[in-house]
Protein backbone atom coordinates (compact mmCIF):
# COMPACT_ATOMS: atom_id res chain seq x y z
CA UNK A 1 4.14 6.23 6.51
CA UNK A 2 6.44 7.48 9.22
CA UNK A 3 9.96 8.48 8.32
CA UNK A 4 12.59 10.95 9.42
CA UNK A 5 14.73 13.13 7.20
CA UNK A 6 18.37 13.39 8.22
CA UNK A 7 19.64 16.94 7.83
CA UNK A 8 23.00 18.32 8.80
CA UNK A 9 23.11 20.76 11.75
CA UNK A 10 22.10 24.15 10.31
CA UNK A 11 19.40 22.82 7.96
CA UNK A 12 17.91 20.65 10.67
CA UNK A 13 17.58 23.62 13.02
CA UNK A 14 16.13 25.75 10.20
CA UNK A 15 13.65 23.04 9.24
CA UNK A 16 12.32 22.43 12.74
CA UNK A 17 12.21 26.16 13.49
CA UNK A 18 10.01 26.68 10.41
CA UNK A 19 7.86 23.72 11.35
CA UNK A 20 7.44 25.01 14.90
CA UNK A 21 6.23 28.43 13.74
CA UNK A 22 3.79 26.85 11.26
CA UNK A 23 2.21 24.79 14.02
CA UNK A 24 2.39 27.58 16.61
CA UNK A 25 0.42 29.80 14.22
CA UNK A 26 -2.32 27.15 14.03
CA UNK A 27 -2.59 26.86 17.81
CA UNK A 28 -2.78 30.64 18.23
CA UNK A 29 -5.78 30.87 15.88
CA UNK A 30 -7.95 28.48 17.90
CA UNK A 31 -9.99 29.32 21.03
CA UNK A 32 -8.29 28.16 24.21
CA UNK A 33 -11.11 25.78 25.16
CA UNK A 34 -10.94 24.14 21.73
CA UNK A 35 -7.16 23.68 22.02
CA UNK A 36 -7.60 22.12 25.46
CA UNK A 37 -10.15 19.62 24.18
CA UNK A 38 -8.01 18.81 21.14
CA UNK A 39 -4.92 18.08 23.22
CA UNK A 40 -6.94 15.84 25.52
CA UNK A 41 -8.62 14.01 22.63
CA UNK A 42 -5.74 13.47 20.20
CA UNK A 43 -3.12 10.83 21.04
CA UNK A 44 -0.02 9.20 19.65
CA UNK A 45 -0.65 5.62 18.44
CA UNK A 46 2.50 3.52 18.63
CA UNK A 47 2.93 -0.02 17.33
CA UNK A 48 6.21 -1.90 17.48
CA UNK A 49 6.73 -1.44 13.73
CA UNK A 50 4.88 1.79 13.00
CA UNK A 51 3.32 4.84 14.61
CA UNK A 52 0.85 7.58 13.86
CA UNK A 53 -1.86 9.69 15.45
CA UNK A 54 -5.39 8.92 16.61
CA UNK A 55 -8.30 10.64 18.35
CA UNK A 56 -11.18 9.66 20.59
CA UNK A 57 -14.72 9.74 19.17
CA UNK A 58 -16.60 9.09 22.42
CA UNK A 59 -15.99 8.82 26.16
CA UNK A 60 -15.94 5.00 26.16
CA UNK A 61 -12.38 4.70 24.86
CA UNK A 62 -13.02 4.26 21.11
CA UNK A 63 -10.48 6.00 18.90
CA UNK A 64 -9.90 6.42 15.18
CA UNK A 65 -6.62 6.22 13.28
CA UNK A 66 -5.48 5.43 9.72
CA UNK A 67 -5.57 1.82 8.59
CA UNK A 68 -2.11 2.06 7.06
CA UNK A 69 -0.67 2.87 10.50
CA UNK A 70 -1.67 -0.58 11.77
CA UNK A 71 0.55 -3.63 11.11
CA UNK A 72 -0.78 -6.76 9.48
CA UNK A 73 -1.89 -8.74 11.38
CA UNK A 74 -2.99 -6.09 13.90
CA UNK A 75 -1.47 -6.14 17.36
CA UNK A 76 -1.74 -4.10 20.56
CA UNK A 77 -0.92 -0.38 20.42
CA UNK A 78 0.64 1.88 23.01
CA UNK A 79 -1.35 5.12 23.42
CA UNK A 80 0.41 8.29 24.58
CA UNK A 81 -1.53 11.32 25.80
CA UNK A 82 -0.40 14.94 25.56
CA UNK A 83 -0.20 15.19 29.37
CA UNK A 84 2.27 12.30 29.53
CA UNK A 85 -0.27 9.59 30.34
CA UNK A 86 -0.11 6.17 28.73
CA UNK A 87 -2.58 3.41 27.94
CA UNK A 88 -2.94 0.32 25.74
CA UNK A 89 -5.45 -0.18 22.92
CA UNK A 90 -6.68 -3.19 20.98
CA UNK A 91 -7.68 -3.38 17.35
CA UNK A 92 -11.42 -3.44 16.56
CA UNK A 93 -11.86 -3.13 12.80
CA UNK A 94 -10.62 -1.78 9.48
CA UNK A 95 -13.06 0.19 7.35
CA UNK A 96 -14.61 -1.94 4.61
CA UNK A 97 -13.97 -1.30 0.95
CA UNK A 98 -10.52 0.27 1.20
CA UNK A 99 -11.12 3.52 3.12
CA UNK A 100 -7.97 4.41 5.11
CA UNK A 101 -9.63 4.11 8.53
CA UNK A 102 -9.31 1.82 11.54
CA UNK A 103 -11.01 1.66 14.94
CA UNK A 104 -9.18 0.95 18.21
CA UNK A 105 -10.44 0.55 21.78
CA UNK A 106 -8.67 1.20 25.08
CA UNK A 107 -8.11 -2.11 26.85
CA UNK A 108 -8.59 -0.70 30.35
CA UNK A 109 -10.72 2.27 31.53
CA UNK A 110 -8.90 5.60 31.47
CA UNK A 111 -9.72 8.80 33.30
CA UNK A 112 -9.58 10.79 30.05
CA UNK A 113 -13.14 11.51 28.86
CA UNK A 114 -12.44 14.11 26.16
CA UNK A 115 -13.37 13.36 22.56
CA UNK A 116 -13.94 15.16 19.26
CA UNK A 117 -17.29 15.86 17.59
CA UNK A 118 -17.78 15.00 13.91
CA UNK A 119 -18.54 17.76 11.41
CA UNK A 120 -21.90 18.12 9.67
CA UNK A 121 -22.49 18.42 5.89
CA UNK A 122 -22.79 22.21 6.09
CA UNK A 123 -19.27 22.41 7.56
CA UNK A 124 -17.62 21.38 4.27
CA UNK A 125 -17.22 24.88 2.82
CA UNK A 126 -14.41 25.28 0.32
CA UNK A 127 -11.68 27.78 1.35
CA UNK A 128 -12.69 27.66 5.01
CA UNK A 129 -9.85 27.59 7.57
CA UNK A 130 -8.90 24.08 8.73
CA UNK A 131 -6.49 22.78 11.36
CA UNK A 132 -4.48 19.58 11.60
CA UNK A 133 -3.19 17.80 14.68
CA UNK A 134 -0.48 15.16 14.72
CA UNK A 135 2.37 13.60 16.65
CA UNK A 136 5.35 13.91 14.31
CA UNK A 137 8.49 12.05 15.30
CA UNK A 138 10.78 13.09 16.89
CA UNK A 139 8.90 16.31 17.71
CA UNK A 140 6.70 15.90 20.80
CA UNK A 141 4.01 16.67 21.97
CA UNK A 142 1.12 17.19 19.53
CA UNK A 143 1.49 19.97 16.98
CA UNK A 144 -1.33 21.97 15.37
CA UNK A 145 -1.14 23.35 11.83
CA UNK A 146 -3.47 25.63 9.87
CA UNK A 147 -4.54 25.98 6.26
CA UNK A 148 -7.62 25.94 4.05
CA UNK A 149 -10.01 23.31 2.75
CA UNK A 150 -9.24 23.08 -0.96
CA UNK A 151 -11.71 20.48 -2.18
CA UNK A 152 -14.28 17.98 -0.93
CA UNK A 153 -14.43 15.04 -3.34
CA UNK A 154 -17.52 13.48 -1.83
CA UNK A 155 -17.81 10.75 -4.50
CA UNK A 156 -14.40 9.42 -3.42
CA UNK A 157 -14.79 10.14 0.29
CA UNK A 158 -11.80 12.47 0.62
CA UNK A 159 -10.98 16.10 1.33
CA UNK A 160 -7.96 18.00 0.03
CA UNK A 161 -6.34 20.64 2.23
CA UNK A 162 -3.06 22.51 2.61
CA UNK A 163 -2.64 22.63 6.40
CA UNK A 164 0.78 21.34 7.45
CA UNK A 165 1.19 17.63 8.15
CA UNK A 166 4.36 15.69 8.78
CA UNK A 167 5.69 12.25 9.48
CA UNK A 168 3.50 10.64 12.12
CA UNK A 169 0.40 12.74 11.37
CA UNK A 170 -1.47 9.85 9.72
CA UNK A 171 -4.70 9.17 11.60
CA UNK A 172 -4.90 12.65 13.08
CA UNK A 173 -7.95 14.89 12.61
CA UNK A 174 -8.57 17.73 10.19
CA UNK A 175 -10.65 20.21 12.19
CA UNK A 176 -12.85 23.27 11.89
CA UNK A 177 -12.13 26.28 14.10
CA UNK A 178 -14.66 25.01 16.65
CA UNK A 179 -12.90 21.64 16.81
CA UNK A 180 -15.19 19.45 14.67
CA UNK A 181 -13.63 16.65 12.62
CA UNK A 182 -13.80 17.16 8.84
CA UNK A 183 -11.55 14.22 8.04
CA UNK A 184 -8.84 11.78 9.09
CA UNK A 185 -5.36 12.55 7.71
CA UNK A 186 -4.35 9.89 5.20
CA UNK A 187 -1.44 10.96 3.05
CA UNK A 188 0.59 13.76 1.56
CA UNK A 189 -0.02 14.58 -2.08
CA UNK A 190 3.59 14.80 -3.17
CA UNK A 191 4.86 17.27 -5.75
CA UNK A 192 6.40 14.95 -8.36
CA UNK A 193 9.13 17.52 -9.07
CA UNK A 194 10.14 17.78 -5.41
CA UNK A 195 11.57 15.54 -2.72
CA UNK A 196 9.74 17.49 -0.02
CA UNK A 197 8.21 15.32 2.68
CA UNK A 198 7.01 17.91 5.19
CA UNK A 199 4.07 20.25 4.56
CA UNK A 200 4.14 22.86 1.85
CA UNK A 201 1.78 21.08 -0.56
CA UNK A 202 -1.68 19.61 -0.54
CA UNK A 203 -2.69 16.61 1.56
CA UNK A 204 -5.68 14.28 1.63
CA UNK A 205 -7.90 12.96 4.40
CA UNK A 206 -10.79 10.51 4.55
CA UNK A 207 -13.93 12.63 4.97
CA UNK A 208 -16.33 12.51 7.91
CA UNK A 209 -19.23 10.98 5.92
CA UNK A 210 -16.98 7.98 5.23
CA UNK A 211 -16.05 7.87 8.92
CA UNK A 212 -19.72 7.92 9.94
CA UNK A 213 -20.50 5.09 7.52
CA UNK A 214 -17.64 3.07 9.00
CA UNK A 215 -18.84 3.59 12.57
CA UNK A 216 -22.40 2.68 11.60
CA UNK A 217 -21.11 -0.55 10.01
CA UNK A 218 -19.28 -1.42 13.23
CA UNK A 219 -22.46 -0.79 15.22
CA UNK A 220 -24.22 -3.29 12.96
CA UNK A 221 -21.53 -5.82 13.77
CA UNK A 222 -19.87 -5.53 10.36
CA UNK A 223 -16.20 -5.59 11.35
CA UNK A 224 -13.29 -6.10 8.97
CA UNK A 225 -9.99 -7.66 10.08
CA UNK A 226 -8.24 -7.78 6.69
CA UNK A 227 -6.27 -4.71 5.71
CA UNK A 228 -6.50 -3.52 2.11
CA UNK A 229 -4.79 -0.90 -0.04
CA UNK A 230 -5.95 2.71 0.19
CA UNK A 231 -6.04 4.40 -3.21
CA UNK A 232 -7.97 7.62 -2.83
CA UNK A 233 -8.39 8.20 -6.57
CA UNK A 234 -11.01 5.41 -6.59
CA UNK A 235 -14.59 5.66 -5.47
CA UNK A 236 -15.17 3.42 -2.47
CA UNK A 237 -16.06 0.71 -1.83
CA UNK A 238 -14.30 -1.17 -4.61
CA UNK A 239 -16.11 -4.17 -6.14
CA UNK A 240 -14.98 -7.64 -5.01
CA UNK A 241 -13.57 -10.36 -7.23
CA UNK A 242 -13.46 -14.08 -6.49
CA UNK A 243 -10.73 -16.47 -7.56
CA UNK A 244 -11.56 -18.08 -10.90
CA UNK A 245 -14.19 -15.51 -11.85
CA UNK A 246 -14.17 -13.87 -15.29
CA UNK A 247 -15.13 -10.24 -14.66
CA UNK A 248 -16.12 -8.22 -17.70
CA UNK A 249 -15.74 -4.46 -17.50
CA UNK A 250 -15.31 -1.31 -19.49
CA UNK A 251 -12.92 1.65 -19.42
CA UNK A 252 -14.85 4.81 -20.21
CA UNK A 253 -14.99 8.52 -19.30
CA UNK A 254 -17.11 7.49 -16.29
CA UNK A 255 -14.22 5.38 -14.90
CA UNK A 256 -11.85 6.77 -12.31
CA UNK A 257 -8.51 8.16 -13.48
CA UNK A 258 -4.95 7.48 -12.39
CA UNK A 259 -3.34 10.54 -10.78
CA UNK A 260 -0.23 10.98 -12.94
CA UNK A 261 -1.27 10.63 -16.60
CA UNK A 262 -5.07 10.46 -16.09
CA UNK A 263 -5.61 7.08 -17.76
CA UNK A 264 -9.10 5.67 -17.18
CA UNK A 265 -8.98 2.94 -14.53
CA UNK A 266 -11.24 0.57 -12.60
CA UNK A 267 -10.27 -0.89 -9.24
CA UNK A 268 -11.16 -4.26 -7.71
CA UNK A 269 -10.34 -6.13 -4.50
CA UNK A 270 -9.79 -9.84 -3.91
CA UNK A 271 -8.89 -11.91 -0.86
CA UNK A 272 -5.96 -14.31 -1.27
CA UNK A 273 -4.40 -16.97 0.94
CA UNK A 274 -0.85 -17.23 2.29
CA UNK A 275 1.69 -19.23 0.25
CA UNK A 276 -0.63 -19.55 -2.75
CA UNK A 277 0.28 -18.40 -6.26
CA UNK A 278 -2.16 -16.35 -8.36
CA UNK A 279 -2.19 -15.51 -12.06
CA UNK A 280 -3.96 -12.24 -12.93
CA UNK A 281 -4.84 -11.46 -16.55
CA UNK A 282 -6.37 -8.41 -18.24
CA UNK A 283 -7.44 -8.96 -21.85
CA UNK A 284 -8.94 -6.50 -24.32
CA UNK A 285 -9.44 -6.21 -28.07
CA UNK A 286 -10.18 -2.49 -27.74
CA UNK A 287 -7.13 -1.01 -25.96
CA UNK A 288 -3.55 -1.71 -24.83
CA UNK A 289 -4.17 -3.33 -21.44
CA UNK A 290 -2.14 -2.39 -18.36
CA UNK A 291 -2.34 -4.02 -14.91
CA UNK A 292 -1.38 -2.66 -11.49
CA UNK A 293 -1.41 -4.74 -8.31
CA UNK A 294 -1.26 -3.43 -4.73
CA UNK A 295 -0.86 -5.53 -1.59
CA UNK A 296 -2.73 -4.97 1.65
CA UNK A 297 -0.18 -2.39 2.79
CA UNK A 298 -0.78 -0.17 -0.27
CA UNK A 299 2.60 -1.18 -1.76
CA UNK A 300 2.86 -1.66 -5.50
CA UNK A 301 3.31 -5.45 -5.74
CA UNK A 302 3.36 -5.75 -9.52
CA UNK A 303 2.62 -4.07 -12.84
CA UNK A 304 2.59 -5.25 -16.43
CA UNK A 305 1.98 -3.85 -19.89
CA UNK A 306 2.40 -6.65 -22.44
CA UNK A 307 2.36 -10.26 -21.17
CA UNK A 308 4.23 -11.43 -24.30
CA UNK A 309 5.99 -10.23 -27.42
CA UNK A 310 2.95 -10.39 -29.72
CA UNK A 311 0.17 -9.31 -27.35
CA UNK A 312 -1.14 -6.13 -25.76
CA UNK A 313 -2.84 -8.06 -22.97
CA UNK A 314 -1.39 -7.93 -19.45
CA UNK A 315 -0.58 -10.55 -16.83
CA UNK A 316 0.88 -10.59 -13.31
CA UNK A 317 1.92 -13.60 -11.24
CA UNK A 318 1.73 -13.08 -7.48
CA UNK A 319 2.79 -15.27 -4.56
CA UNK A 320 0.96 -14.27 -1.38
CA UNK A 321 3.10 -14.05 1.77
CA UNK A 322 0.06 -13.89 4.01
CA UNK A 323 -3.72 -13.88 4.00
CA UNK A 324 -4.44 -10.45 2.58
CA UNK A 325 -6.67 -8.35 0.39
CA UNK A 326 -5.17 -7.29 -2.92
CA UNK A 327 -6.24 -4.32 -5.01
CA UNK A 328 -6.16 -4.83 -8.78
CA UNK A 329 -6.23 -1.85 -11.14
CA UNK A 330 -7.42 -2.46 -14.70
CA UNK A 331 -6.24 0.39 -16.90
CA UNK A 332 -4.64 1.18 -20.26
CA UNK A 333 -1.12 1.94 -21.43
CA UNK A 334 -2.10 5.31 -22.92
CA UNK A 335 -4.33 8.12 -21.75
CA UNK A 336 -7.84 8.27 -23.18
CA UNK A 337 -8.13 4.62 -24.24
CA UNK A 338 -11.59 3.09 -23.73
CA UNK A 339 -13.28 -0.22 -24.37
CA UNK A 340 -14.33 -3.62 -23.08
CA UNK A 341 -12.06 -5.98 -21.14
CA UNK A 342 -12.02 -9.25 -19.22
CA UNK A 343 -10.24 -9.51 -15.86
CA UNK A 344 -9.48 -12.86 -14.24
CA UNK A 345 -7.59 -14.09 -11.16
CA UNK A 346 -6.68 -17.79 -11.13
CA UNK A 347 -5.04 -19.89 -8.44
CA UNK A 348 -2.04 -21.89 -9.65
CA UNK A 349 -1.52 -25.46 -8.41
CA UNK A 350 1.99 -26.85 -8.90
CA UNK A 351 1.95 -30.60 -9.56
CA UNK A 352 5.41 -31.58 -10.88
CA UNK A 353 8.89 -30.82 -9.60
CA UNK A 354 12.54 -31.33 -10.63
CA UNK A 355 15.53 -30.80 -8.30
CA UNK A 356 18.90 -29.69 -9.69
CA UNK A 357 21.99 -29.57 -7.47
CA UNK A 358 24.97 -27.54 -8.67
CA UNK A 359 27.74 -25.18 -7.55
CA UNK A 360 29.35 -21.96 -8.74
CA UNK A 361 33.14 -22.20 -8.58
CA UNK A 362 36.12 -20.12 -9.75
CA UNK A 363 36.07 -22.28 -12.89
CA UNK A 364 32.47 -21.30 -13.75
CA UNK A 365 31.93 -18.81 -16.62
CA UNK A 366 31.48 -15.12 -15.74
CA UNK A 367 28.98 -12.61 -17.09
CA UNK A 368 29.64 -8.97 -18.02
CA UNK A 369 29.38 -8.01 -14.33
CA UNK A 370 32.09 -10.51 -13.36
CA UNK A 371 29.60 -12.82 -11.66
CA UNK A 372 29.85 -16.59 -11.95
CA UNK A 373 26.83 -18.28 -13.55
CA UNK A 374 25.36 -21.60 -14.67
CA UNK A 375 22.85 -21.86 -17.52
CA UNK A 376 20.03 -24.45 -17.66
CA UNK A 377 17.81 -24.98 -20.74
CA UNK A 378 14.07 -25.23 -20.05
CA UNK A 379 11.47 -26.30 -22.60
CA UNK A 380 8.28 -24.22 -22.47
CA UNK A 381 5.03 -26.06 -21.80
CA UNK A 382 2.18 -23.51 -22.01
CA UNK A 383 2.07 -23.79 -18.22
CA UNK A 384 3.11 -21.75 -15.22
CA UNK A 385 6.81 -22.11 -14.40
CA UNK A 386 8.21 -21.70 -10.89
CA UNK A 387 11.98 -21.75 -10.37
CA UNK A 388 13.47 -21.50 -6.88
CA UNK A 389 17.21 -21.06 -6.27
CA UNK A 390 18.27 -21.73 -2.68
CA UNK A 391 21.72 -21.54 -1.09
CA UNK A 392 23.34 -21.14 2.31
CA UNK A 393 26.62 -20.03 0.72
CA UNK A 394 25.75 -17.28 -1.76
CA UNK A 395 23.17 -14.58 -2.48
CA UNK A 396 21.11 -16.24 -5.21
CA UNK A 397 20.04 -14.41 -8.37
CA UNK A 398 17.93 -15.83 -11.21
CA UNK A 399 17.44 -14.67 -14.80
CA UNK A 400 15.20 -16.22 -17.45
CA UNK A 401 15.70 -15.57 -21.19
CA UNK A 402 13.52 -16.54 -24.15
CA UNK A 403 14.73 -18.15 -27.38
CA UNK A 404 15.67 -14.75 -28.81
CA UNK A 405 17.83 -13.90 -25.81
CA UNK A 406 15.39 -11.35 -24.37
CA UNK A 407 15.08 -11.37 -20.60
CA UNK A 408 11.66 -12.63 -19.50
CA UNK A 409 12.10 -12.22 -15.76
CA UNK A 410 14.71 -11.90 -13.02
CA UNK A 411 14.75 -12.01 -9.22
CA UNK A 412 17.10 -11.42 -6.32
CA UNK A 413 15.41 -11.88 -2.92
CA UNK A 414 11.95 -13.30 -3.53
CA UNK A 415 10.78 -12.70 0.03
CA UNK A 416 11.81 -10.36 2.85
CA UNK A 417 14.44 -11.92 5.08
CA UNK A 418 15.85 -14.34 2.49
CA UNK A 419 18.67 -14.30 -0.06
CA UNK A 420 17.04 -17.05 -2.14
CA UNK A 421 15.60 -16.20 -5.57
CA UNK A 422 12.36 -17.22 -7.28
CA UNK A 423 10.86 -16.67 -10.71
CA UNK A 424 7.18 -17.18 -11.54
CA UNK A 425 6.10 -16.84 -15.16
CA UNK A 426 4.02 -18.45 -17.90
CA UNK A 427 5.94 -20.20 -20.67
CA UNK A 428 5.03 -21.05 -24.27
CA UNK A 429 5.25 -24.48 -25.88
CA UNK A 430 7.81 -24.86 -28.66
CA UNK A 431 10.21 -22.33 -27.14
CA UNK A 432 13.45 -23.18 -25.35
CA UNK A 433 14.17 -20.85 -22.46
CA UNK A 434 17.55 -20.28 -20.81
CA UNK A 435 17.60 -20.13 -17.04
CA UNK A 436 20.69 -18.45 -15.59
CA UNK A 437 21.62 -19.18 -11.98
CA UNK A 438 24.03 -16.52 -10.75
CA UNK A 439 24.72 -14.28 -7.74
CA UNK A 440 23.88 -10.80 -6.56
CA UNK A 441 27.55 -9.78 -6.19
CA UNK A 442 30.70 -10.55 -8.14
CA UNK A 443 33.05 -13.40 -7.14
CA UNK A 444 30.48 -15.26 -5.01
CA UNK A 445 30.84 -19.04 -5.08
CA UNK A 446 29.08 -21.96 -3.41
CA UNK A 447 26.58 -24.76 -3.75
CA UNK A 448 22.93 -24.17 -4.60
CA UNK A 449 19.71 -26.04 -5.29
CA UNK A 450 17.35 -25.29 -8.17
CA UNK A 451 13.74 -26.45 -7.88
CA UNK A 452 11.78 -26.33 -11.16
CA UNK A 453 8.01 -26.73 -10.78
CA UNK A 454 5.17 -26.67 -13.28
CA UNK A 455 1.65 -25.57 -12.44
CA UNK A 456 -1.79 -25.12 -13.91
CA UNK A 457 -4.79 -22.93 -13.14
CA UNK A 458 -7.12 -24.46 -10.60
CA UNK A 459 -10.62 -25.09 -11.84
CA UNK A 460 -13.16 -22.58 -10.56
CA UNK A 461 -15.53 -24.02 -7.97
């Protein structure tokens, strides 16, 4: 979640001056003893690939932060105190069911014994003053902002508030004037008409009842080491799916709603294994199905409206890079649609393979973008098709067209850190597809290898 906006001289000074006064106002409103305890209890949580804020919940070295701050798989964090002290912390658990919470523990004893108390139910009064604490980069040390509590959506385990937060605030506390924790900062609720990243609008935090439930689960020995997406418009915990299961459901006015156009939606979670391919389908005779898929880092990993020309059902093919927990959203194309549906996740097993060696040269044909290409006909088989294009000499790019010349799929870099391309899609018997092997940039030439594989759904156990 961390990021840093690059402003030119005057605007950068103006921005940070405004930010400083917003946080200075928050600090001035709090009793001195409360500020002292806050600054001793709230720390910067720094991983090699990400950073955020955290706070101690007892004097034994347990601290809370946001799950999305922590890399997958979790590793050791550097902890920085407001007084300049440093320590190391180990990962303990993610919150179950998708709440944006994680628990860390100091590896070695530390002389700091300050911690924050959790708020009680009577503390959640709408329009009451609230205060946020975070370690925004590159501003240091901790900064305190002030605002009001706008809404407590208890059914979803979140609070909405307008106190200032900024990059690096994730995992920090939302506090009452006497320093009790109302929630754990999760994300900024962006104005869709604005590019603003810092403050100004409303923000969300995981509420204290959800935090208490998480801590009670840890005390019972129910720890969770798999990170999952955090979509705060769903009631938690989300129901679990298993591979091969046919889950029947219904979109109705009692379903949750997507935040932009308010379509009814139901969320599910499923655990998948690294390097395995999964085929997700949403079928309905009552509405125009629409699928959304989020990976364990809350990134949109896929979406689909119509899986084919003559259907309103949806399908997504997903290749897992790692063992992770996916979040699947079953929804509709249009607002207000309701009805029954069937959701299924199937594992694909590839059993046949064909290798094609070729090269793009200056004599190869060019497309409209002046890129060399080579076309390969493929006969559909009512099976899952996987095409991999690999090369050490060019940046591979794949396109697949149906018999009518409509593009079915395309891909540039199928995985982070590679310039190889891969397409995964279901084909239909009786249709001849055209696979185009080309490049990302114009005038690229070189040898490449195409691997064509066919797969089928694994039988449910």
